């Protein structure tokens, strides 16, 4: 099959196809398209699906061409670009289906400027691909160019969203081709491990992820971003300048391992995901006046100042391993979910005046904790709540009704415990509670205050 096939569509426009084995020609109601090349075809008019054979004595290299006549879309299927004989493809398909070029090791250049939508993995693992033009594409699928290590130039000038893993592993990509100012969202791992990303300015993007493992990224400026996705900038070792003035949500692991962050202070931030700032070894201060759900500051050895006055929910390992943290105020926390919330810290006293539920061994391994107070709204606390709290001597319950412990010994492992303070007039209720919950050994510690 020769490299160039030229078809004149029903409107009279000539379209060149390079290297395709099947061509979709949109025709409606009695219209006719016509072959221009190959000139030796015995039948030039295209009115129906079929195989169009060149004359047997032709010397132009053609043997046959399969044409799919379509009533409307001109959509490209994955079968249309299986050819391994050509390095350049050009066509007028209006859509590219999932995996259309997946794993093609030959193709180097693709021009499909009529395509408005591109399916998942359409060009994934095309290791020889160096340039792609999709100037009309407004919709790209996940992993569109993932694994295209040779890709240098891409024209996606009308794209507004970069999906998950879209350019993952495209380390030779010229990033000036990306329409950064048009983008509204960037998905997970979209540009992961790209060594060419150095600065990032996304003036209109509201949801940003996908730059984890970019070792040379130093600056991000995200004036419109309200959501930072999971692992968005994880392991970006050079990142030192961060501007996110309207951020509301930071996902799991978003800035994990960044040694340049010394302070996290965002008045607009409402939630912080698990491990979001984990292992930020130079972080010293957290000031989140309006955040209501917090996790993700674990293993920050120099974190010593935390202000989270509006926090209602703490999630597993939120501050575990923060050995410089000696005190924390939690006036609004109603729920603690998960284990080892403050393990490895130097906190000696905790007061939870608004607490309602504690799920899991939340205070396990707080070896410096000596005194803890629960407000009158405490409804339940899970088993092994204080396991490994070797210095804990005093627990105070301010509610006249004991919390539900699911018949488990919440004080197991508290070798130094001597006093359980309870409200005046509640001795009978707490004695019964200890007896019913297999904790009768602590009845002598009950003290009405």
Protein backbone atom coordinates (compact mmCIF):
# COMPACT_ATOMS: atom_id res chain seq x y z
CA UNK A 1 0.00 0.00 0.00
CA UNK A 2 1.39 3.38 -0.95
CA UNK A 3 1.91 6.19 1.47
CA UNK A 4 -0.56 8.71 0.08
CA UNK A 5 -4.25 8.23 -0.53
CA UNK A 6 -6.19 11.29 -1.62
CA UNK A 7 -9.96 11.42 -1.57
CA UNK A 8 -12.21 14.21 -2.75
CA UNK A 9 -15.12 14.29 -0.30
CA UNK A 10 -18.72 15.13 -1.35
CA UNK A 11 -18.05 18.85 -0.82
CA UNK A 12 -15.16 18.78 -3.26
CA UNK A 13 -12.45 19.06 -0.61
CA UNK A 14 -9.40 16.88 -1.16
CA UNK A 15 -8.17 15.08 1.94
CA UNK A 16 -4.83 13.27 2.11
CA UNK A 17 -4.42 10.10 4.20
CA UNK A 18 -0.96 8.75 4.97
CA UNK A 19 -0.48 5.12 5.89
CA UNK A 20 -4.04 4.23 6.84
CA UNK A 21 -5.46 0.84 5.96
CA UNK A 22 -9.06 1.92 6.44
CA UNK A 23 -10.60 5.31 5.72
CA UNK A 24 -13.91 6.67 6.96
CA UNK A 25 -15.65 8.95 4.44
CA UNK A 26 -18.81 10.65 5.72
CA UNK A 27 -21.52 10.50 3.02
CA UNK A 28 -25.23 11.18 3.26
CA UNK A 29 -28.20 10.54 0.97
CA UNK A 30 -26.82 9.61 -2.44
CA UNK A 31 -23.62 11.64 -2.19
CA UNK A 32 -20.45 10.44 -3.84
CA UNK A 33 -16.79 10.79 -2.91
CA UNK A 34 -13.98 10.21 -5.37
CA UNK A 35 -10.47 8.80 -5.34
CA UNK A 36 -7.82 11.22 -6.60
CA UNK A 37 -4.94 8.93 -5.60
CA UNK A 38 -4.23 6.17 -6.38
CA UNK A 39 -4.97 7.17 -9.97
CA UNK A 40 -4.87 3.56 -11.15
CA UNK A 41 -7.95 2.46 -9.21
CA UNK A 42 -10.41 0.84 -11.59
CA UNK A 43 -13.32 2.32 -9.62
CA UNK A 44 -12.89 5.92 -8.49
CA UNK A 45 -16.31 6.78 -7.11
CA UNK A 46 -17.03 5.90 -3.48
CA UNK A 47 -20.67 5.24 -2.65
CA UNK A 48 -20.46 2.25 -0.35
CA UNK A 49 -18.14 0.18 1.79
CA UNK A 50 -15.79 -1.96 -0.17
CA UNK A 51 -12.32 -2.83 -1.37
CA UNK A 52 -11.15 -0.66 -4.25
CA UNK A 53 -8.43 -2.37 -6.30
CA UNK A 54 -5.73 -0.71 -8.32
CA UNK A 55 -5.00 -2.14 -11.75
CA UNK A 56 -2.76 -5.20 -11.59
CA UNK A 57 -0.10 -3.72 -13.82
CA UNK A 58 0.31 -0.50 -11.87
CA UNK A 59 3.73 0.45 -10.67
CA UNK A 60 2.66 2.91 -8.02
CA UNK A 61 2.78 0.45 -5.14
CA UNK A 62 -0.94 0.30 -4.38
CA UNK A 63 -2.74 -3.00 -4.07
CA UNK A 64 -6.10 -2.22 -2.48
CA UNK A 65 -7.76 0.33 -0.27
CA UNK A 66 -10.59 -0.39 2.17
CA UNK A 67 -13.07 2.46 2.58
CA UNK A 68 -15.80 2.68 5.22
CA UNK A 69 -18.64 4.89 4.05
CA UNK A 70 -20.38 6.51 7.02
CA UNK A 71 -23.67 8.30 7.29
CA UNK A 72 -22.46 10.95 9.65
CA UNK A 73 -19.57 10.98 12.02
CA UNK A 74 -16.38 10.00 10.34
CA UNK A 75 -15.31 8.50 13.67
CA UNK A 76 -12.04 6.66 13.81
CA UNK A 77 -11.97 3.17 15.28
CA UNK A 78 -8.99 1.43 16.81
CA UNK A 79 -8.71 -0.77 13.71
CA UNK A 80 -8.06 2.10 11.35
CA UNK A 81 -4.44 2.70 12.29
CA UNK A 82 -2.95 -0.75 12.70
CA UNK A 83 -0.54 -0.30 9.78
CA UNK A 84 3.11 -0.81 10.69
CA UNK A 85 4.43 0.34 7.32
CA UNK A 86 4.36 4.11 7.68
CA UNK A 87 5.88 6.74 9.91
CA UNK A 88 3.46 9.59 9.16
CA UNK A 89 -0.33 9.68 9.48
CA UNK A 90 -2.65 12.43 8.30
CA UNK A 91 -6.44 12.30 8.25
CA UNK A 92 -9.72 14.10 8.83
CA UNK A 93 -11.36 11.86 11.42
CA UNK A 94 -13.47 13.83 13.90
CA UNK A 95 -12.90 11.45 16.79
CA UNK A 96 -10.20 9.03 17.87
CA UNK A 97 -11.31 6.02 19.84
CA UNK A 98 -9.64 4.32 22.81
CA UNK A 99 -6.26 2.76 21.98
CA UNK A 100 -6.32 3.75 18.31
CA UNK A 101 -2.51 3.83 18.02
CA UNK A 102 -1.69 1.97 21.23
CA UNK A 103 1.80 0.47 21.18
CA UNK A 104 2.62 1.51 17.59
CA UNK A 105 6.41 1.45 17.43
CA UNK A 106 6.73 2.91 13.92
CA UNK A 107 4.65 6.05 13.72
CA UNK A 108 6.63 9.27 14.23
CA UNK A 109 4.24 12.05 13.22
CA UNK A 110 0.45 12.32 13.42
CA UNK A 111 -1.79 15.11 12.14
CA UNK A 112 -5.50 14.80 12.87
CA UNK A 113 -6.66 18.38 13.12
CA UNK A 114 -10.35 17.60 12.62
CA UNK A 115 -10.57 15.37 15.68
CA UNK A 116 -12.40 17.03 18.57
CA UNK A 117 -12.26 14.07 20.97
CA UNK A 118 -9.45 11.63 21.73
CA UNK A 119 -10.04 8.36 23.56
CA UNK A 120 -8.17 6.80 26.45
CA UNK A 121 -4.68 5.58 25.63
CA UNK A 122 -5.09 6.63 21.99
CA UNK A 123 -1.32 7.10 21.51
CA UNK A 124 -0.09 5.31 24.62
CA UNK A 125 3.35 3.71 24.36
CA UNK A 126 4.03 4.98 20.83
CA UNK A 127 7.73 5.07 21.58
CA UNK A 128 8.82 6.57 18.23
CA UNK A 129 6.21 9.31 18.14
CA UNK A 130 7.84 12.77 18.09
CA UNK A 131 5.07 15.15 16.98
CA UNK A 132 1.27 15.25 17.13
CA UNK A 133 -1.16 17.89 15.92
CA UNK A 134 -4.69 17.79 17.32
CA UNK A 135 -5.58 21.45 16.94
CA UNK A 136 -9.35 20.92 17.28
CA UNK A 137 -9.28 18.51 20.18
CA UNK A 138 -11.23 19.74 23.19
CA UNK A 139 -11.49 16.38 24.96
CA UNK A 140 -8.53 14.11 25.74
CA UNK A 141 -8.77 10.70 27.38
CA UNK A 142 -6.71 9.33 30.27
CA UNK A 143 -3.18 8.20 29.28
CA UNK A 144 -3.49 9.80 25.81
CA UNK A 145 0.30 10.08 25.39
CA UNK A 146 1.52 8.10 28.37
CA UNK A 147 4.82 6.36 27.72
CA UNK A 148 5.62 8.37 24.57
CA UNK A 149 9.20 8.99 25.60
CA UNK A 150 10.23 10.50 22.26
CA UNK A 151 7.36 12.97 22.02
CA UNK A 152 8.68 16.50 21.58
CA UNK A 153 5.94 18.58 19.98
CA UNK A 154 2.19 18.49 20.53
CA UNK A 155 -0.53 20.85 19.31
CA UNK A 156 -3.57 20.71 21.60
CA UNK A 157 -4.32 24.41 21.44
CA UNK A 158 -8.05 24.02 22.15
CA UNK A 159 -7.75 21.64 25.10
CA UNK A 160 -9.00 22.92 28.45
CA UNK A 161 -8.43 19.79 30.54
CA UNK A 162 -5.41 17.48 30.79
CA UNK A 163 -6.61 14.11 32.12
CA UNK A 164 -4.93 11.53 34.31
CA UNK A 165 -1.50 10.30 33.14
CA UNK A 166 -1.92 12.18 29.85
CA UNK A 167 1.79 12.98 29.43
CA UNK A 168 3.29 10.70 32.06
CA UNK A 169 6.80 9.69 31.04
CA UNK A 170 7.02 12.23 28.18
CA UNK A 171 10.36 13.60 29.33
CA UNK A 172 11.33 15.09 25.95
CA UNK A 173 8.14 17.10 25.52
CA UNK A 174 8.53 20.81 24.72
CA UNK A 175 6.25 22.24 27.39
CA UNK A 176 5.82 25.54 25.56
CA UNK A 177 3.37 23.65 23.34
CA UNK A 178 0.94 23.15 26.23
CA UNK A 179 -1.87 25.78 26.34
CA UNK A 180 -1.30 26.50 30.02
CA UNK A 181 -3.45 29.63 30.11
CA UNK A 182 -6.45 27.75 28.69
CA UNK A 183 -6.36 24.91 31.17
CA UNK A 184 -9.10 24.51 33.76
CA UNK A 185 -7.98 21.19 35.25
CA UNK A 186 -5.01 18.82 35.30
CA UNK A 187 -5.48 15.21 36.36
CA UNK A 188 -3.40 12.86 38.49
CA UNK A 189 0.09 11.98 37.17
CA UNK A 190 -0.58 14.07 34.02
CA UNK A 191 3.04 15.29 33.81
CA UNK A 192 4.58 12.97 36.37
CA UNK A 193 8.38 12.62 36.51
CA UNK A 194 8.97 15.26 33.85
CA UNK A 195 12.42 16.77 34.30
CA UNK A 196 11.65 19.77 32.05
CA UNK A 197 8.98 21.31 34.28
CA UNK A 198 10.61 24.23 36.13
CA UNK A 199 7.89 26.84 36.69
CA UNK A 200 4.13 26.52 36.60
CA UNK A 201 1.64 29.32 36.05
CA UNK A 202 -1.98 28.27 35.57
CA UNK A 203 -4.09 31.41 35.79
CA UNK A 204 -7.46 29.75 35.18
CA UNK A 205 -7.10 26.20 36.47
CA UNK A 206 -9.35 25.43 39.42
CA UNK A 207 -8.29 21.79 39.93
CA UNK A 208 -4.59 20.90 39.72
CA UNK A 209 -2.73 17.63 40.13
CA UNK A 210 -0.23 15.62 38.12
CA UNK A 211 3.27 17.05 38.71
CA UNK A 212 4.60 14.53 41.22
CA UNK A 213 8.23 13.57 40.88
CA UNK A 214 9.19 16.64 38.78
CA UNK A 215 12.66 17.19 40.27
CA UNK A 216 13.33 20.62 38.75
CA UNK A 217 10.01 22.30 39.50
CA UNK A 218 10.79 25.34 41.66
CA UNK A 219 7.74 27.63 41.44
CA UNK A 220 3.98 27.19 41.22
CA UNK A 221 1.52 30.05 40.83
CA UNK A 222 -2.10 28.91 40.94
CA UNK A 223 -4.27 32.00 41.44
CA UNK A 224 -7.59 30.25 40.69
CA UNK A 225 -6.97 26.78 42.08
CA UNK A 226 -9.41 25.67 44.76
CA UNK A 227 -8.45 21.98 44.65
CA UNK A 228 -4.99 20.41 44.74
CA UNK A 229 -5.22 16.72 43.87
CA UNK A 230 -3.65 13.67 45.45
CA UNK A 231 0.14 13.47 45.04
CA UNK A 232 -0.01 16.66 42.93
CA UNK A 233 3.49 17.85 43.88
CA UNK A 234 4.72 14.86 45.83
CA UNK A 235 8.49 14.42 45.71
CA UNK A 236 9.16 17.72 43.92
CA UNK A 237 12.45 18.21 45.69
CA UNK A 238 13.23 21.69 44.30
CA UNK A 239 9.82 23.26 44.89
CA UNK A 240 10.35 26.35 47.04
CA UNK A 241 7.77 28.95 45.94
CA UNK A 242 4.06 28.13 46.25
CA UNK A 243 1.18 30.53 45.61
CA UNK A 244 -2.38 29.21 46.07
CA UNK A 245 -4.38 32.16 47.41
CA UNK A 246 -7.86 30.59 47.11
CA UNK A 247 -7.12 26.93 47.79
CA UNK A 248 -9.85 25.02 49.64
CA UNK A 249 -8.83 21.36 49.41
CA UNK A 250 -5.41 19.69 49.42
CA UNK A 251 -5.47 16.00 48.58
CA UNK A 252 -3.59 13.00 49.94
CA UNK A 253 0.18 13.26 49.62
CA UNK A 254 -0.01 16.51 47.64
CA UNK A 255 3.25 18.03 48.95
CA UNK A 256 4.76 15.03 50.70
CA UNK A 257 8.51 14.99 51.09
CA UNK A 258 9.10 18.68 50.33
CA UNK A 259 12.02 19.89 52.41
CA UNK A 260 11.64 23.55 51.39
CA UNK A 261 8.24 24.19 52.99
CA UNK A 262 8.61 25.89 56.38
CA UNK A 263 5.07 27.20 56.89
CA UNK A 264 1.57 26.17 55.83
CA UNK A 265 -0.84 29.10 56.22
CA UNK A 266 -4.01 29.38 54.13
CA UNK A 267 -7.09 31.19 55.36
CA UNK A 268 -9.25 29.65 52.60
CA UNK A 269 -8.20 26.04 53.17
CA UNK A 270 -10.97 23.75 54.42
CA UNK A 271 -9.51 20.23 54.26
CA UNK A 272 -6.10 18.55 54.23
CA UNK A 273 -5.78 14.94 53.08
CA UNK A 274 -3.71 12.09 54.48
CA UNK A 275 0.07 12.54 54.16
CA UNK A 276 -0.48 15.86 52.33
CA UNK A 277 2.60 17.40 53.99
CA UNK A 278 4.16 14.24 55.36
CA UNK A 279 7.95 14.21 55.69
CA UNK A 280 8.25 17.98 55.15
CA UNK A 281 11.33 17.99 57.32
CA UNK A 282 11.67 21.78 57.67
CA UNK A 283 8.01 22.58 58.33
CA UNK A 284 7.73 24.47 61.62
CA UNK A 285 4.34 26.24 61.55
CA UNK A 286 0.78 25.35 60.56
CA UNK A 287 -1.88 28.07 60.63
CA UNK A 288 -5.24 27.04 59.16
CA UNK A 289 -7.93 29.21 60.76
CA UNK A 290 -10.87 27.84 58.76
CA UNK A 291 -9.91 24.23 58.01
CA UNK A 292 -12.50 21.76 59.29
CA UNK A 293 -10.95 18.40 58.30
CA UNK A 294 -7.24 17.76 58.84
CA UNK A 295 -4.72 15.01 58.35
CA UNK A 296 -1.36 14.80 56.66
CA UNK A 297 1.25 16.59 58.80
CA UNK A 298 2.96 13.44 60.04
CA UNK A 299 6.72 12.91 60.23
CA UNK A 300 7.51 16.64 60.31
CA UNK A 301 10.26 16.60 62.95
CA UNK A 302 10.48 20.37 63.49
CA UNK A 303 6.78 21.24 63.50
CA UNK A 304 6.27 23.06 66.77
CA UNK A 305 3.35 25.46 66.24
CA UNK A 306 -0.13 24.40 65.11
CA UNK A 307 -3.22 26.60 64.98
CA UNK A 308 -6.41 24.87 63.77
CA UNK A 309 -9.21 26.55 65.74
CA UNK A 310 -12.04 25.50 63.38
CA UNK A 311 -11.00 21.88 62.89
CA UNK A 312 -13.89 19.48 63.49
CA UNK A 313 -12.35 16.24 62.24
CA UNK A 314 -8.89 14.78 62.70
CA UNK A 315 -7.94 11.80 60.54
CA UNK A 316 -5.37 9.04 61.11
CA UNK A 317 -1.74 9.94 61.76
CA UNK A 318 -2.47 13.66 61.42
CA UNK A 319 0.53 14.72 63.53
CA UNK A 320 2.29 11.43 64.29
CA UNK A 321 6.06 11.59 64.43
CA UNK A 322 6.15 15.35 64.99
CA UNK A 323 8.61 15.14 67.84
CA UNK A 324 8.94 18.92 68.35
CA UNK A 325 5.20 19.39 68.91
CA UNK A 326 4.69 19.96 72.64
CA UNK A 327 1.17 21.42 72.74
CA UNK A 328 -1.93 21.70 70.56
CA UNK A 329 -5.31 23.38 70.97
CA UNK A 330 -8.33 21.54 69.60
CA UNK A 331 -11.37 23.56 70.68
CA UNK A 332 -13.71 22.51 67.84
CA UNK A 333 -12.78 18.88 67.17
CA UNK A 334 -15.86 16.65 67.32
CA UNK A 335 -14.53 13.53 65.58
CA UNK A 336 -11.22 11.68 65.54
CA UNK A 337 -10.93 8.88 63.00
CA UNK A 338 -8.08 6.39 62.86
CA UNK A 339 -4.99 5.55 64.81
CA UNK A 340 -1.89 7.17 66.27
CA UNK A 341 -3.04 10.74 65.79
CA UNK A 342 -0.20 12.19 67.88
CA UNK A 343 2.16 9.25 68.36
CA UNK A 344 5.78 10.27 68.72
CA UNK A 345 4.97 13.86 69.64
CA UNK A 346 6.07 15.60 72.87
CA UNK A 347 2.53 16.67 73.82
CA UNK A 348 1.86 16.26 77.55
CA UNK A 349 -1.71 17.56 77.83
CA UNK A 350 -4.73 17.38 75.53
CA UNK A 351 -8.16 18.94 75.99
CA UNK A 352 -11.07 18.04 73.67
CA UNK A 353 -14.02 20.14 74.87
CA UNK A 354 -16.22 19.45 71.81
CA UNK A 355 -15.33 15.81 71.10
CA UNK A 356 -18.17 13.39 70.25
CA UNK A 357 -16.65 10.26 68.69
CA UNK A 358 -13.22 8.63 68.66
CA UNK A 359 -12.69 5.75 66.23
CA UNK A 360 -9.60 3.60 66.55
CA UNK A 361 -6.58 3.84 68.86
CA UNK A 362 -6.33 7.58 68.30
CA UNK A 363 -3.93 8.34 71.15
CA UNK A 364 -1.81 5.20 70.91
CA UNK A 365 1.91 5.57 71.52
CA UNK A 366 1.74 9.11 72.91
CA UNK A 367 4.58 8.37 75.27
CA UNK A 368 4.74 11.94 76.65
CA UNK A 369 1.02 12.31 77.32
CA UNK A 370 0.25 12.80 81.01
CA UNK A 371 -3.24 14.28 81.12
CA UNK A 372 -6.24 14.20 78.75
CA UNK A 373 -9.71 15.76 79.13
CA UNK A 374 -12.88 14.88 77.20
CA UNK A 375 -15.78 17.32 77.02
CA UNK A 376 -19.38 16.52 78.04
CA UNK A 377 -20.47 15.49 74.51
CA UNK A 378 -18.25 12.40 74.20
CA UNK A 379 -20.40 9.50 72.94
CA UNK A 380 -17.94 6.74 72.05
CA UNK A 381 -14.29 5.77 72.12
CA UNK A 382 -12.82 2.68 70.48
CA UNK A 383 -10.62 0.01 72.01
CA UNK A 384 -6.91 0.45 72.70
CA UNK A 385 -7.47 4.19 72.70
CA UNK A 386 -4.45 4.82 74.94
CA UNK A 387 -2.23 1.86 74.14
CA UNK A 388 1.42 2.73 74.71
CA UNK A 389 0.70 5.93 76.66
CA UNK A 390 3.30 5.07 79.28
CA UNK A 391 3.21 8.47 81.01
CA UNK A 392 -0.56 8.93 81.17
CA UNK A 393 -1.65 9.42 84.78
CA UNK A 394 -4.96 11.28 84.53
CA UNK A 395 -8.05 10.97 82.31
CA UNK A 396 -10.97 13.35 82.80
CA UNK A 397 -14.52 12.77 81.55
CA UNK A 398 -16.77 15.83 81.82
CA UNK A 399 -19.95 14.08 80.68
CA UNK A 400 -22.32 12.61 83.26
CA UNK A 401 -22.99 9.67 80.91
CA UNK A 402 -19.99 7.40 80.22
CA UNK A 403 -19.03 6.90 76.54
CA UNK A 404 -19.68 3.68 74.67
CA UNK A 405 -16.48 1.61 74.53
CA UNK A 406 -17.94 -1.42 72.77
CA UNK A 407 -17.08 -3.59 75.80
CA UNK A 408 -13.39 -3.03 75.26
CA UNK A 409 -10.67 -1.95 77.70
CA UNK A 410 -9.73 1.50 76.42
CA UNK A 411 -7.12 1.91 79.17
CA UNK A 412 -5.19 -1.23 78.31
CA UNK A 413 -1.48 -0.41 78.15
CA UNK A 414 -1.63 2.66 80.43
CA UNK A 415 0.83 1.47 83.05
CA UNK A 416 1.04 4.82 84.89
CA UNK A 417 -2.70 5.60 85.10
CA UNK A 418 -3.82 6.57 88.62
CA UNK A 419 -6.84 8.87 88.26
CA UNK A 420 -10.08 8.88 86.26
CA UNK A 421 -11.91 12.13 86.95
CA UNK A 422 -15.70 12.16 86.53
CA UNK A 423 -18.49 14.69 87.24
CA UNK A 424 -19.95 14.92 90.73
CA UNK A 425 -22.91 12.59 91.13
CA UNK A 426 -21.89 10.18 88.35
CA UNK A 427 -19.93 7.62 90.38
CA UNK A 428 -22.63 4.97 90.11
CA UNK A 429 -22.94 5.34 86.35
CA UNK A 430 -19.18 5.16 85.77
CA UNK A 431 -18.75 2.21 88.13
CA UNK A 432 -21.41 0.30 86.23
CA UNK A 433 -19.75 1.32 82.96
CA UNK A 434 -16.39 -0.07 84.03
CA UNK A 435 -17.93 -3.30 85.24
CA UNK A 436 -19.92 -3.80 82.02
CA UNK A 437 -16.93 -3.02 79.82
CA UNK A 438 -14.43 -5.45 81.35
CA UNK A 439 -12.59 -2.58 83.06
CA UNK A 440 -13.52 -3.19 86.70
CA UNK A 441 -9.85 -3.01 87.69
CA UNK A 442 -10.05 0.78 87.29
CA UNK A 443 -12.98 1.45 89.65
CA UNK A 444 -10.66 2.51 92.46
CA UNK A 445 -9.31 5.29 90.24
CA UNK A 446 -12.71 7.01 89.84
CA UNK A 447 -12.70 10.46 91.39
CA UNK A 448 -15.69 12.80 91.42
CA UNK A 449 -14.83 16.45 90.80
